[in-house]
Amino acid sequence: MNTEIEPLQNKLIQLLSSWSSGKLTAGGVHGEAEQLLDSYDWKEVSRSDPRSLVNEVLVQLDVLNQQLIMEDDIPAILMFLRAPAGTEAEAWLNWERYWNGIDLDDRRKQLKGNPHYAA
C-alpha cells in the first residue's frame, strides 16, 4: 500500500472493526467517515492507483445510509480495502460484482424502520 494513504487505510480498517464488534453503530461509522472525509486531502486518482481503493471506501462510508451499506458488507469492504498493490483492477471488478449482486429490495426491507437509513 502507498505509504501516503496507509494511515487512512488503517483508520478505515479500525472503523470497520469497531462497527463489526458493536463498538460503533452505522450512524457512528457514518459520522466518523464524514469527519475523515472533511479532513482528507482528496486527490482524484485512476482505478489502477492503490489510493483509489481507500478513496472509494471512504466515500461509500460517508454515504452508507444512502447506499444502504450495512454490517453484512464489512467483509467485502475489508477485502477491497486490503487488496494487495498491483491487484487494483481485480479488486475493482470484485467490488462491482459484489454490489451488483445485492438485492436492494431485500436490503430496504431489512433496514426499514432504522432511522439512520434512507430505506
PDB file of N, CA and C in Angstrom:
ATOM      1  N   MET A   1       0.858  -1.187   0.000  1.00  0.00           N
ATOM      2  CA  MET A   1       0.000   0.000   0.000  1.00  0.00           C
ATOM      3  C   MET A   1       0.889   1.229   0.000  1.00  0.00           C
ATOM      4  N   ASN A   2       0.425   2.232  -0.612  1.00  0.00           N
ATOM      5  CA  ASN A   2       1.103   3.514  -0.700  1.00  0.00           C
ATOM      6  C   ASN A   2       1.222   4.094   0.716  1.00  0.00           C
ATOM      7  N   THR A   3       2.433   4.466   1.139  1.00  0.00           N
ATOM      8  CA  THR A   3       2.628   4.974   2.493  1.00  0.00           C
ATOM      9  C   THR A   3       1.883   6.277   2.727  1.00  0.00           C
ATOM     10  N   GLU A   4       1.594   7.003   1.657  1.00  0.00           N
ATOM     11  CA  GLU A   4       0.836   8.246   1.776  1.00  0.00           C
ATOM     12  C   GLU A   4      -0.589   7.972   2.262  1.00  0.00           C
ATOM     13  N   ILE A   5      -1.161   6.876   1.837  1.00  0.00           N
ATOM     14  CA  ILE A   5      -2.556   6.581   2.127  1.00  0.00           C
ATOM     15  C   ILE A   5      -2.708   5.561   3.269  1.00  0.00           C
ATOM     16  N   GLU A   6      -1.629   4.926   3.674  1.00  0.00           N
ATOM     17  CA  GLU A   6      -1.687   3.868   4.687  1.00  0.00           C
ATOM     18  C   GLU A   6      -2.333   4.305   6.006  1.00  0.00           C
ATOM     19  N   PRO A   7      -2.035   5.494   6.531  1.00  0.00           N
ATOM     20  CA  PRO A   7      -2.704   5.889   7.780  1.00  0.00           C
ATOM     21  C   PRO A   7      -4.231   5.945   7.640  1.00  0.00           C
ATOM     22  N   LEU A   8      -4.711   6.431   6.516  1.00  0.00           N
ATOM     23  CA  LEU A   8      -6.156   6.489   6.300  1.00  0.00           C
ATOM     24  C   LEU A   8      -6.719   5.085   6.128  1.00  0.00           C
ATOM     25  N   GLN A   9      -6.005   4.241   5.413  1.00  0.00           N
ATOM     26  CA  GLN A   9      -6.442   2.851   5.260  1.00  0.00           C
ATOM     27  C   GLN A   9      -6.580   2.189   6.632  1.00  0.00           C
ATOM     28  N   ASN A  10      -5.590   2.387   7.488  1.00  0.00           N
ATOM     29  CA  ASN A  10      -5.632   1.802   8.831  1.00  0.00           C
ATOM     30  C   ASN A  10      -6.797   2.352   9.655  1.00  0.00           C
ATOM     31  N   LYS A  11      -7.081   3.642   9.526  1.00  0.00           N
ATOM     32  CA  LYS A  11      -8.220   4.232  10.232  1.00  0.00           C
ATOM     33  C   LYS A  11      -9.529   3.610   9.758  1.00  0.00           C
ATOM     34  N   LEU A  12      -9.641   3.386   8.460  1.00  0.00           N
ATOM     35  CA  LEU A  12     -10.861   2.790   7.920  1.00  0.00           C
ATOM     36  C   LEU A  12     -11.019   1.346   8.376  1.00  0.00           C
ATOM     37  N   ILE A  13      -9.927   0.608   8.416  1.00  0.00           N
ATOM     38  CA  ILE A  13      -9.976  -0.772   8.907  1.00  0.00           C
ATOM     39  C   ILE A  13     -10.414  -0.791  10.366  1.00  0.00           C
ATOM     40  N   GLN A  14      -9.869   0.113  11.175  1.00  0.00           N
ATOM     41  CA  GLN A  14     -10.263   0.198  12.579  1.00  0.00           C
ATOM     42  C   GLN A  14     -11.732   0.587  12.722  1.00  0.00           C
ATOM     43  N   LEU A  15     -12.171   1.510  11.909  1.00  0.00           N
ATOM     44  CA  LEU A  15     -13.566   1.948  11.919  1.00  0.00           C
ATOM     45  C   LEU A  15     -14.493   0.770  11.603  1.00  0.00           C
ATOM     46  N   LEU A  16     -14.146   0.015  10.587  1.00  0.00           N
ATOM     47  CA  LEU A  16     -14.957  -1.149  10.212  1.00  0.00           C
ATOM     48  C   LEU A  16     -14.920  -2.225  11.293  1.00  0.00           C
ATOM     49  N   SER A  17     -13.771  -2.407  11.921  1.00  0.00           N
ATOM     50  CA  SER A  17     -13.651  -3.375  13.011  1.00  0.00           C
ATOM     51  C   SER A  17     -14.508  -2.966  14.204  1.00  0.00           C
ATOM     52  N   SER A  18     -14.534  -1.686  14.491  1.00  0.00           N
ATOM     53  CA  SER A  18     -15.369  -1.182  15.597  1.00  0.00           C
ATOM     54  C   SER A  18     -16.851  -1.382  15.298  1.00  0.00           C
ATOM     55  N   TRP A  19     -17.222  -1.221  14.064  1.00  0.00           N
ATOM     56  CA  TRP A  19     -18.615  -1.440  13.664  1.00  0.00           C
ATOM     57  C   TRP A  19     -18.951  -2.927  13.777  1.00  0.00           C
ATOM     58  N   SER A  20     -18.071  -3.750  13.271  1.00  0.00           N
ATOM     59  CA  SER A  20     -18.287  -5.191  13.286  1.00  0.00           C
ATOM     60  C   SER A  20     -18.401  -5.739  14.707  1.00  0.00           C
ATOM     61  N   SER A  21     -17.622  -5.179  15.628  1.00  0.00           N
ATOM     62  CA  SER A  21     -17.625  -5.663  17.011  1.00  0.00           C
ATOM     63  C   SER A  21     -18.735  -5.045  17.852  1.00  0.00           C
ATOM     64  N   GLY A  22     -19.474  -4.109  17.276  1.00  0.00           N
ATOM     65  CA  GLY A  22     -20.570  -3.485  18.007  1.00  0.00           C
ATOM     66  C   GLY A  22     -20.171  -2.252  18.804  1.00  0.00           C
ATOM     67  N   LYS A  23     -18.921  -1.843  18.711  1.00  0.00           N
ATOM     68  CA  LYS A  23     -18.479  -0.640  19.417  1.00  0.00           C
ATOM     69  C   LYS A  23     -19.047   0.621  18.780  1.00  0.00           C
ATOM     70  N   LEU A  24     -19.358   0.537  17.489  1.00  0.00           N
ATOM     71  CA  LEU A  24     -19.966   1.658  16.767  1.00  0.00           C
ATOM     72  C   LEU A  24     -21.212   1.170  16.051  1.00  0.00           C
ATOM     73  N   THR A  25     -22.162   2.055  15.896  1.00  0.00           N
ATOM     74  CA  THR A  25     -23.348   1.785  15.091  1.00  0.00           C
ATOM     75  C   THR A  25     -23.093   2.294  13.672  1.00  0.00           C
ATOM     76  N   ALA A  26     -24.036   2.023  12.785  1.00  0.00           N
ATOM     77  CA  ALA A  26     -23.925   2.560  11.427  1.00  0.00           C
ATOM     78  C   ALA A  26     -23.848   4.085  11.476  1.00  0.00           C
ATOM     79  N   GLY A  27     -24.623   4.687  12.347  1.00  0.00           N
ATOM     80  CA  GLY A  27     -24.591   6.142  12.491  1.00  0.00           C
ATOM     81  C   GLY A  27     -23.231   6.637  12.949  1.00  0.00           C
ATOM     82  N   GLY A  28     -22.614   5.903  13.852  1.00  0.00           N
ATOM     83  CA  GLY A  28     -21.281   6.268  14.316  1.00  0.00           C
ATOM     84  C   GLY A  28     -20.242   6.152  13.218  1.00  0.00           C
ATOM     85  N   VAL A  29     -20.345   5.097  12.423  1.00  0.00           N
ATOM     86  CA  VAL A  29     -19.420   4.908  11.302  1.00  0.00           C
ATOM     87  C   VAL A  29     -19.603   6.031  10.285  1.00  0.00           C
ATOM     88  N   HIS A  30     -20.852   6.340  10.002  1.00  0.00           N
ATOM     89  CA  HIS A  30     -21.158   7.417   9.056  1.00  0.00           C
ATOM     90  C   HIS A  30     -20.555   8.733   9.540  1.00  0.00           C
ATOM     91  N   GLY A  31     -20.748   9.061  10.798  1.00  0.00           N
ATOM     92  CA  GLY A  31     -20.206  10.297  11.355  1.00  0.00           C
ATOM     93  C   GLY A  31     -18.689  10.351  11.310  1.00  0.00           C
ATOM     94  N   GLU A  32     -18.050   9.237  11.672  1.00  0.00           N
ATOM     95  CA  GLU A  32     -16.583   9.180  11.631  1.00  0.00           C
ATOM     96  C   GLU A  32     -16.076   9.327  10.196  1.00  0.00           C
ATOM     97  N   ALA A  33     -16.738   8.652   9.264  1.00  0.00           N
ATOM     98  CA  ALA A  33     -16.322   8.739   7.858  1.00  0.00           C
ATOM     99  C   ALA A  33     -16.476  10.164   7.347  1.00  0.00           C
ATOM    100  N   GLU A  34     -17.543  10.816   7.754  1.00  0.00           N
ATOM    101  CA  GLU A  34     -17.770  12.201   7.344  1.00  0.00           C
ATOM    102  C   GLU A  34     -16.638  13.101   7.840  1.00  0.00           C
ATOM    103  N   GLN A  35     -16.224  12.902   9.083  1.00  0.00           N
ATOM    104  CA  GLN A  35     -15.119  13.693   9.633  1.00  0.00           C
ATOM    105  C   GLN A  35     -13.808  13.399   8.908  1.00  0.00           C
ATOM    106  N   LEU A  36     -13.564  12.127   8.629  1.00  0.00           N
ATOM    107  CA  LEU A  36     -12.343  11.759   7.910  1.00  0.00           C
ATOM    108  C   LEU A  36     -12.330  12.380   6.513  1.00  0.00           C
ATOM    109  N   LEU A  37     -13.458  12.331   5.850  1.00  0.00           N
ATOM    110  CA  LEU A  37     -13.542  12.891   4.501  1.00  0.00           C
ATOM    111  C   LEU A  37     -13.309  14.400   4.520  1.00  0.00           C
ATOM    112  N   ASP A  38     -13.850  15.072   5.534  1.00  0.00           N
ATOM    113  CA  ASP A  38     -13.659  16.517   5.655  1.00  0.00           C
ATOM    114  C   ASP A  38     -12.196  16.888   5.886  1.00  0.00           C
ATOM    115  N   SER A  39     -11.452  15.996   6.558  1.00  0.00           N
ATOM    116  CA  SER A  39     -10.054  16.303   6.868  1.00  0.00           C
ATOM    117  C   SER A  39      -9.079  15.708   5.859  1.00  0.00           C
ATOM    118  N   TYR A  40      -9.586  14.957   4.912  1.00  0.00           N
ATOM    119  CA  TYR A  40      -8.754  14.250   3.953  1.00  0.00           C
ATOM    120  C   TYR A  40      -8.430  15.147   2.761  1.00  0.00           C
ATOM    121  N   ASP A  41      -7.174  15.150   2.368  1.00  0.00           N
ATOM    122  CA  ASP A  41      -6.738  15.915   1.207  1.00  0.00           C
ATOM    123  C   ASP A  41      -7.046  15.092  -0.041  1.00  0.00           C
ATOM    124  N   TRP A  42      -8.247  15.261  -0.551  1.00  0.00           N
ATOM    125  CA  TRP A  42      -8.759  14.451  -1.642  1.00  0.00           C
ATOM    126  C   TRP A  42      -7.953  14.645  -2.921  1.00  0.00           C
ATOM    127  N   LYS A  43      -7.609  13.532  -3.552  1.00  0.00           N
ATOM    128  CA  LYS A  43      -6.923  13.571  -4.846  1.00  0.00           C
ATOM    129  C   LYS A  43      -7.649  12.607  -5.776  1.00  0.00           C
ATOM    130  N   GLU A  44      -8.013  13.093  -6.942  1.00  0.00           N
ATOM    131  CA  GLU A  44      -8.625  12.227  -7.965  1.00  0.00           C
ATOM    132  C   GLU A  44      -7.532  11.327  -8.523  1.00  0.00           C
ATOM    133  N   VAL A  45      -7.746  10.032  -8.469  1.00  0.00           N
ATOM    134  CA  VAL A  45      -6.757   9.085  -8.974  1.00  0.00           C
ATOM    135  C   VAL A  45      -7.462   8.031  -9.837  1.00  0.00           C
ATOM    136  N   SER A  46      -6.720   7.399 -10.698  1.00  0.00           N
ATOM    137  CA  SER A  46      -7.295   6.364 -11.552  1.00  0.00           C
ATOM    138  C   SER A  46      -7.506   5.086 -10.740  1.00  0.00           C
ATOM    139  N   ARG A  47      -8.325   4.207 -11.264  1.00  0.00           N
ATOM    140  CA  ARG A  47      -8.612   2.945 -10.579  1.00  0.00           C
ATOM    141  C   ARG A  47      -7.388   2.035 -10.500  1.00  0.00           C
ATOM    142  N   SER A  48      -6.381   2.293 -11.273  1.00  0.00           N
ATOM    143  CA  SER A  48      -5.159   1.486 -11.211  1.00  0.00           C
ATOM    144  C   SER A  48      -4.253   1.928 -10.060  1.00  0.00           C
ATOM    145  N   ASP A  49      -4.585   3.014  -9.433  1.00  0.00           N
ATOM    146  CA  ASP A  49      -3.811   3.561  -8.314  1.00  0.00           C
ATOM    147  C   ASP A  49      -4.339   2.951  -7.010  1.00  0.00           C
ATOM    148  N   PRO A  50      -3.468   2.422  -6.162  1.00  0.00           N
ATOM    149  CA  PRO A  50      -3.918   1.831  -4.893  1.00  0.00           C
ATOM    150  C   PRO A  50      -4.739   2.797  -4.026  1.00  0.00           C
ATOM    151  N   ARG A  51      -4.499   4.082  -4.173  1.00  0.00           N
ATOM    152  CA  ARG A  51      -5.261   5.057  -3.392  1.00  0.00           C
ATOM    153  C   ARG A  51      -6.736   5.056  -3.764  1.00  0.00           C
ATOM    154  N   SER A  52      -7.053   4.592  -4.972  1.00  0.00           N
ATOM    155  CA  SER A  52      -8.450   4.591  -5.400  1.00  0.00           C
ATOM    156  C   SER A  52      -9.311   3.699  -4.516  1.00  0.00           C
ATOM    157  N   LEU A  53      -8.739   2.638  -3.980  1.00  0.00           N
ATOM    158  CA  LEU A  53      -9.492   1.717  -3.129  1.00  0.00           C
ATOM    159  C   LEU A  53      -9.868   2.399  -1.810  1.00  0.00           C
ATOM    160  N   VAL A  54      -8.907   3.074  -1.225  1.00  0.00           N
ATOM    161  CA  VAL A  54      -9.152   3.791   0.026  1.00  0.00           C
ATOM    162  C   VAL A  54     -10.136   4.928  -0.203  1.00  0.00           C
ATOM    163  N   ASN A  55      -9.957   5.649  -1.297  1.00  0.00           N
ATOM    164  CA  ASN A  55     -10.882   6.740  -1.619  1.00  0.00           C
ATOM    165  C   ASN A  55     -12.305   6.222  -1.729  1.00  0.00           C
ATOM    166  N   GLU A  56     -12.482   5.116  -2.441  1.00  0.00           N
ATOM    167  CA  GLU A  56     -13.813   4.553  -2.654  1.00  0.00           C
ATOM    168  C   GLU A  56     -14.466   4.151  -1.335  1.00  0.00           C
ATOM    169  N   VAL A  57     -13.729   3.472  -0.488  1.00  0.00           N
ATOM    170  CA  VAL A  57     -14.300   3.041   0.796  1.00  0.00           C
ATOM    171  C   VAL A  57     -14.684   4.246   1.641  1.00  0.00           C
ATOM    172  N   LEU A  58     -13.833   5.244   1.692  1.00  0.00           N
ATOM    173  CA  LEU A  58     -14.141   6.441   2.479  1.00  0.00           C
ATOM    174  C   LEU A  58     -15.407   7.120   1.971  1.00  0.00           C
ATOM    175  N   VAL A  59     -15.511   7.284   0.669  1.00  0.00           N
ATOM    176  CA  VAL A  59     -16.689   7.936   0.092  1.00  0.00           C
ATOM    177  C   VAL A  59     -17.944   7.105   0.353  1.00  0.00           C
ATOM    178  N   GLN A  60     -17.847   5.795   0.208  1.00  0.00           N
ATOM    179  CA  GLN A  60     -19.020   4.946   0.426  1.00  0.00           C
ATOM    180  C   GLN A  60     -19.462   4.960   1.890  1.00  0.00           C
ATOM    181  N   LEU A  61     -18.526   4.950   2.804  1.00  0.00           N
ATOM    182  CA  LEU A  61     -18.900   5.006   4.225  1.00  0.00           C
ATOM    183  C   LEU A  61     -19.519   6.355   4.572  1.00  0.00           C
ATOM    184  N   ASP A  62     -19.096   7.388   3.867  1.00  0.00           N
ATOM    185  CA  ASP A  62     -19.679   8.715   4.092  1.00  0.00           C
ATOM    186  C   ASP A  62     -21.142   8.762   3.663  1.00  0.00           C
ATOM    187  N   VAL A  63     -21.535   7.916   2.747  1.00  0.00           N
ATOM    188  CA  VAL A  63     -22.934   7.883   2.279  1.00  0.00           C
ATOM    189  C   VAL A  63     -23.578   6.516   2.553  1.00  0.00           C
ATOM    190  N   LEU A  64     -23.096   5.827   3.569  1.00  0.00           N
ATOM    191  CA  LEU A  64     -23.580   4.475   3.825  1.00  0.00           C
ATOM    192  C   LEU A  64     -25.075   4.412   4.066  1.00  0.00           C
ATOM    193  N   ASN A  65     -25.639   5.457   4.621  1.00  0.00           N
ATOM    194  CA  ASN A  65     -27.088   5.466   4.868  1.00  0.00           C
ATOM    195  C   ASN A  65     -27.883   5.573   3.580  1.00  0.00           C
ATOM    196  N   GLN A  66     -27.320   6.177   2.565  1.00  0.00           N
ATOM    197  CA  GLN A  66     -27.996   6.296   1.272  1.00  0.00           C
ATOM    198  C   GLN A  66     -27.713   5.089   0.382  1.00  0.00           C
ATOM    199  N   GLN A  67     -26.529   4.523   0.533  1.00  0.00           N
ATOM    200  CA  GLN A  67     -26.140   3.355  -0.258  1.00  0.00           C
ATOM    201  C   GLN A  67     -26.624   2.052   0.380  1.00  0.00           C
ATOM    202  N   LEU A  68     -27.233   2.156   1.543  1.00  0.00           N
ATOM    203  CA  LEU A  68     -27.762   1.010   2.279  1.00  0.00           C
ATOM    204  C   LEU A  68     -26.666   0.002   2.629  1.00  0.00           C
ATOM    205  N   ILE A  69     -25.510   0.525   2.984  1.00  0.00           N
ATOM    206  CA  ILE A  69     -24.394  -0.311   3.406  1.00  0.00           C
ATOM    207  C   ILE A  69     -24.616  -0.693   4.862  1.00  0.00           C
ATOM    208  N   MET A  70     -24.442  -1.984   5.144  1.00  0.00           N
ATOM    209  CA  MET A  70     -24.697  -2.466   6.497  1.00  0.00           C
ATOM    210  C   MET A  70     -23.580  -3.407   6.941  1.00  0.00           C
ATOM    211  N   GLU A  71     -23.689  -3.869   8.167  1.00  0.00           N
ATOM    212  CA  GLU A  71     -22.640  -4.718   8.742  1.00  0.00           C
ATOM    213  C   GLU A  71     -22.331  -5.942   7.893  1.00  0.00           C
ATOM    214  N   ASP A  72     -23.327  -6.485   7.225  1.00  0.00           N
ATOM    215  CA  ASP A  72     -23.113  -7.659   6.374  1.00  0.00           C
ATOM    216  C   ASP A  72     -22.083  -7.389   5.282  1.00  0.00           C
ATOM    217  N   ASP A  73     -21.870  -6.138   4.948  1.00  0.00           N
ATOM    218  CA  ASP A  73     -20.964  -5.758   3.866  1.00  0.00           C
ATOM    219  C   ASP A  73     -19.511  -5.606   4.320  1.00  0.00           C
ATOM    220  N   ILE A  74     -19.289  -5.621   5.604  1.00  0.00           N
ATOM    221  CA  ILE A  74     -17.939  -5.359   6.122  1.00  0.00           C
ATOM    222  C   ILE A  74     -16.887  -6.299   5.536  1.00  0.00           C
ATOM    223  N   PRO A  75     -17.113  -7.618   5.462  1.00  0.00           N
ATOM    224  CA  PRO A  75     -16.065  -8.480   4.881  1.00  0.00           C
ATOM    225  C   PRO A  75     -15.700  -8.088   3.446  1.00  0.00           C
ATOM    226  N   ALA A  76     -16.688  -7.756   2.631  1.00  0.00           N
ATOM    227  CA  ALA A  76     -16.405  -7.354   1.243  1.00  0.00           C
ATOM    228  C   ALA A  76     -15.651  -6.027   1.205  1.00  0.00           C
ATOM    229  N   ILE A  77     -16.018  -5.120   2.090  1.00  0.00           N
ATOM    230  CA  ILE A  77     -15.339  -3.820   2.137  1.00  0.00           C
ATOM    231  C   ILE A  77     -13.878  -4.009   2.546  1.00  0.00           C
ATOM    232  N   LEU A  78     -13.655  -4.840   3.558  1.00  0.00           N
ATOM    233  CA  LEU A  78     -12.285  -5.089   4.018  1.00  0.00           C
ATOM    234  C   LEU A  78     -11.450  -5.785   2.944  1.00  0.00           C
ATOM    235  N   MET A  79     -12.041  -6.722   2.238  1.00  0.00           N
ATOM    236  CA  MET A  79     -11.311  -7.411   1.173  1.00  0.00           C
ATOM    237  C   MET A  79     -10.871  -6.415   0.102  1.00  0.00           C
ATOM    238  N   PHE A  80     -11.769  -5.520  -0.256  1.00  0.00           N
ATOM    239  CA  PHE A  80     -11.464  -4.485  -1.248  1.00  0.00           C
ATOM    240  C   PHE A  80     -10.373  -3.549  -0.723  1.00  0.00           C
ATOM    241  N   LEU A  81     -10.541  -3.104   0.486  1.00  0.00           N
ATOM    242  CA  LEU A  81      -9.613  -2.154   1.097  1.00  0.00           C
ATOM    243  C   LEU A  81      -8.213  -2.735   1.261  1.00  0.00           C
ATOM    244  N   ARG A  82      -8.138  -4.030   1.514  1.00  0.00           N
ATOM    245  CA  ARG A  82      -6.850  -4.693   1.759  1.00  0.00           C
ATOM    246  C   ARG A  82      -6.243  -5.332   0.513  1.00  0.00           C
ATOM    247  N   ALA A  83      -6.793  -5.073  -0.648  1.00  0.00           N
ATOM    248  CA  ALA A  83      -6.259  -5.682  -1.876  1.00  0.00           C
ATOM    249  C   ALA A  83      -4.785  -5.321  -2.026  1.00  0.00           C
ATOM    250  N   PRO A  84      -3.962  -6.314  -2.320  1.00  0.00           N
ATOM    251  CA  PRO A  84      -2.527  -6.029  -2.478  1.00  0.00           C
ATOM    252  C   PRO A  84      -2.258  -5.107  -3.664  1.00  0.00           C
ATOM    253  N   ALA A  85      -1.215  -4.323  -3.529  1.00  0.00           N
ATOM    254  CA  ALA A  85      -0.806  -3.443  -4.630  1.00  0.00           C
ATOM    255  C   ALA A  85      -0.580  -4.292  -5.877  1.00  0.00           C
ATOM    256  N   GLY A  86      -1.019  -3.777  -6.994  1.00  0.00           N
ATOM    257  CA  GLY A  86      -0.890  -4.491  -8.244  1.00  0.00           C
ATOM    258  C   GLY A  86      -2.130  -5.290  -8.622  1.00  0.00           C
ATOM    259  N   THR A  87      -3.099  -5.380  -7.684  1.00  0.00           N
ATOM    260  CA  THR A  87      -4.329  -6.137  -7.962  1.00  0.00           C
ATOM    261  C   THR A  87      -5.552  -5.220  -7.968  1.00  0.00           C
ATOM    262  N   GLU A  88      -5.331  -3.947  -8.210  1.00  0.00           N
ATOM    263  CA  GLU A  88      -6.434  -2.980  -8.148  1.00  0.00           C
ATOM    264  C   GLU A  88      -7.538  -3.293  -9.155  1.00  0.00           C
ATOM    265  N   ALA A  89      -7.171  -3.677 -10.381  1.00  0.00           N
ATOM    266  CA  ALA A  89      -8.188  -3.964 -11.402  1.00  0.00           C
ATOM    267  C   ALA A  89      -9.081  -5.124 -10.956  1.00  0.00           C
ATOM    268  N   GLU A  90      -8.482  -6.160 -10.424  1.00  0.00           N
ATOM    269  CA  GLU A  90      -9.254  -7.306  -9.925  1.00  0.00           C
ATOM    270  C   GLU A  90     -10.105  -6.902  -8.726  1.00  0.00           C
ATOM    271  N   ALA A  91      -9.545  -6.086  -7.843  1.00  0.00           N
ATOM    272  CA  ALA A  91     -10.295  -5.622  -6.666  1.00  0.00           C
ATOM    273  C   ALA A  91     -11.516  -4.834  -7.098  1.00  0.00           C
ATOM    274  N   TRP A  92     -11.363  -3.960  -8.077  1.00  0.00           N
ATOM    275  CA  TRP A  92     -12.495  -3.172  -8.568  1.00  0.00           C
ATOM    276  C   TRP A  92     -13.548  -4.065  -9.211  1.00  0.00           C
ATOM    277  N   LEU A  93     -13.110  -5.054  -9.965  1.00  0.00           N
ATOM    278  CA  LEU A  93     -14.041  -5.979 -10.602  1.00  0.00           C
ATOM    279  C   LEU A  93     -14.848  -6.737  -9.547  1.00  0.00           C
ATOM    280  N   ASN A  94     -14.166  -7.253  -8.534  1.00  0.00           N
ATOM    281  CA  ASN A  94     -14.850  -7.967  -7.446  1.00  0.00           C
ATOM    282  C   ASN A  94     -15.779  -7.042  -6.670  1.00  0.00           C
ATOM    283  N   TRP A  95     -15.360  -5.806  -6.455  1.00  0.00           N
ATOM    284  CA  TRP A  95     -16.159  -4.801  -5.750  1.00  0.00           C
ATOM    285  C   TRP A  95     -17.475  -4.553  -6.481  1.00  0.00           C
ATOM    286  N   GLU A  96     -17.361  -4.327  -7.772  1.00  0.00           N
ATOM    287  CA  GLU A  96     -18.563  -4.059  -8.562  1.00  0.00           C
ATOM    288  C   GLU A  96     -19.478  -5.278  -8.632  1.00  0.00           C
ATOM    289  N   ARG A  97     -18.894  -6.463  -8.754  1.00  0.00           N
ATOM    290  CA  ARG A  97     -19.704  -7.689  -8.744  1.00  0.00           C
ATOM    291  C   ARG A  97     -20.452  -7.836  -7.422  1.00  0.00           C
ATOM    292  N   TYR A  98     -19.763  -7.553  -6.338  1.00  0.00           N
ATOM    293  CA  TYR A  98     -20.396  -7.677  -5.024  1.00  0.00           C
ATOM    294  C   TYR A  98     -21.623  -6.770  -4.930  1.00  0.00           C
ATOM    295  N   TRP A  99     -21.446  -5.506  -5.232  1.00  0.00           N
ATOM    296  CA  TRP A  99     -22.547  -4.545  -5.094  1.00  0.00           C
ATOM    297  C   TRP A  99     -23.651  -4.802  -6.107  1.00  0.00           C
ATOM    298  N   ASN A 100     -23.295  -5.249  -7.294  1.00  0.00           N
ATOM    299  CA  ASN A 100     -24.318  -5.580  -8.280  1.00  0.00           C
ATOM    300  C   ASN A 100     -25.139  -6.798  -7.864  1.00  0.00           C
ATOM    301  N   GLY A 101     -24.593  -7.622  -6.989  1.00  0.00           N
ATOM    302  CA  GLY A 101     -25.289  -8.813  -6.514  1.00  0.00           C
ATOM    303  C   GLY A 101     -26.202  -8.575  -5.325  1.00  0.00           C
ATOM    304  N   ILE A 102     -26.225  -7.364  -4.800  1.00  0.00           N
ATOM    305  CA  ILE A 102     -27.066  -7.051  -3.640  1.00  0.00           C
ATOM    306  C   ILE A 102     -28.513  -6.881  -4.095  1.00  0.00           C
ATOM    307  N   ASP A 103     -29.418  -7.519  -3.392  1.00  0.00           N
ATOM    308  CA  ASP A 103     -30.854  -7.363  -3.643  1.00  0.00           C
ATOM    309  C   ASP A 103     -31.313  -6.134  -2.853  1.00  0.00           C
ATOM    310  N   LEU A 104     -31.441  -5.013  -3.547  1.00  0.00           N
ATOM    311  CA  LEU A 104     -31.774  -3.756  -2.867  1.00  0.00           C
ATOM    312  C   LEU A 104     -33.174  -3.766  -2.263  1.00  0.00           C
ATOM    313  N   ASP A 105     -34.109  -4.455  -2.878  1.00  0.00           N
ATOM    314  CA  ASP A 105     -35.452  -4.544  -2.299  1.00  0.00           C
ATOM    315  C   ASP A 105     -35.404  -5.265  -0.958  1.00  0.00           C
ATOM    316  N   ASP A 106     -34.650  -6.357  -0.916  1.00  0.00           N
ATOM    317  CA  ASP A 106     -34.489  -7.095   0.338  1.00  0.00           C
ATOM    318  C   ASP A 106     -33.767  -6.241   1.377  1.00  0.00           C
ATOM    319  N   ARG A 107     -32.768  -5.534   0.926  1.00  0.00           N
ATOM    320  CA  ARG A 107     -31.998  -4.688   1.839  1.00  0.00           C
ATOM    321  C   ARG A 107     -32.887  -3.586   2.426  1.00  0.00           C
ATOM    322  N   ARG A 108     -33.722  -2.984   1.606  1.00  0.00           N
ATOM    323  CA  ARG A 108     -34.642  -1.951   2.101  1.00  0.00           C
ATOM    324  C   ARG A 108     -35.571  -2.530   3.170  1.00  0.00           C
ATOM    325  N   LYS A 109     -36.043  -3.755   2.938  1.00  0.00           N
ATOM    326  CA  LYS A 109     -36.908  -4.413   3.928  1.00  0.00           C
ATOM    327  C   LYS A 109     -36.162  -4.637   5.237  1.00  0.00           C
ATOM    328  N   GLN A 110     -34.904  -5.068   5.137  1.00  0.00           N
ATOM    329  CA  GLN A 110     -34.096  -5.305   6.332  1.00  0.00           C
ATOM    330  C   GLN A 110     -33.880  -4.026   7.135  1.00  0.00           C
ATOM    331  N   LEU A 111     -33.739  -2.920   6.432  1.00  0.00           N
ATOM    332  CA  LEU A 111     -33.400  -1.655   7.086  1.00  0.00           C
ATOM    333  C   LEU A 111     -34.610  -0.778   7.380  1.00  0.00           C
ATOM    334  N   LYS A 112     -35.770  -1.233   6.964  1.00  0.00           N
ATOM    335  CA  LYS A 112     -36.984  -0.453   7.202  1.00  0.00           C
ATOM    336  C   LYS A 112     -37.154  -0.240   8.704  1.00  0.00           C
ATOM    337  N   GLY A 113     -37.460   0.967   9.057  1.00  0.00           N
ATOM    338  CA  GLY A 113     -37.623   1.294  10.467  1.00  0.00           C
ATOM    339  C   GLY A 113     -36.348   1.753  11.141  1.00  0.00           C
ATOM    340  N   ASN A 114     -35.208   1.557  10.499  1.00  0.00           N
ATOM    341  CA  ASN A 114     -33.954   2.045  11.051  1.00  0.00           C
ATOM    342  C   ASN A 114     -33.841   3.514  10.660  1.00  0.00           C
ATOM    343  N   PRO A 115     -33.908   4.424  11.630  1.00  0.00           N
ATOM    344  CA  PRO A 115     -33.950   5.843  11.299  1.00  0.00           C
ATOM    345  C   PRO A 115     -32.679   6.385  10.631  1.00  0.00           C
ATOM    346  N   HIS A 116     -31.605   5.626  10.678  1.00  0.00           N
ATOM    347  CA  HIS A 116     -30.368   6.130  10.082  1.00  0.00           C
ATOM    348  C   HIS A 116     -30.347   5.953   8.568  1.00  0.00           C
ATOM    349  N   TYR A 117     -31.103   5.019   8.074  1.00  0.00           N
ATOM    350  CA  TYR A 117     -31.044   4.704   6.648  1.00  0.00           C
ATOM    351  C   TYR A 117     -32.165   5.337   5.868  1.00  0.00           C
ATOM    352  N   ALA A 118     -31.883   5.630   4.603  1.00  0.00           N
ATOM    353  CA  ALA A 118     -32.887   6.180   3.699  1.00  0.00           C
ATOM    354  C   ALA A 118     -33.545   5.017   2.954  1.00  0.00           C
ATOM    355  N   ALA A 119     -34.066   4.081   3.716  1.00  0.00           N
ATOM    356  CA  ALA A 119     -34.643   2.863   3.099  1.00  0.00           C
ATOM    357  C   ALA A 119     -36.042   3.118   2.753  1.00  0.00           C
TER     358      ALA A 119
END
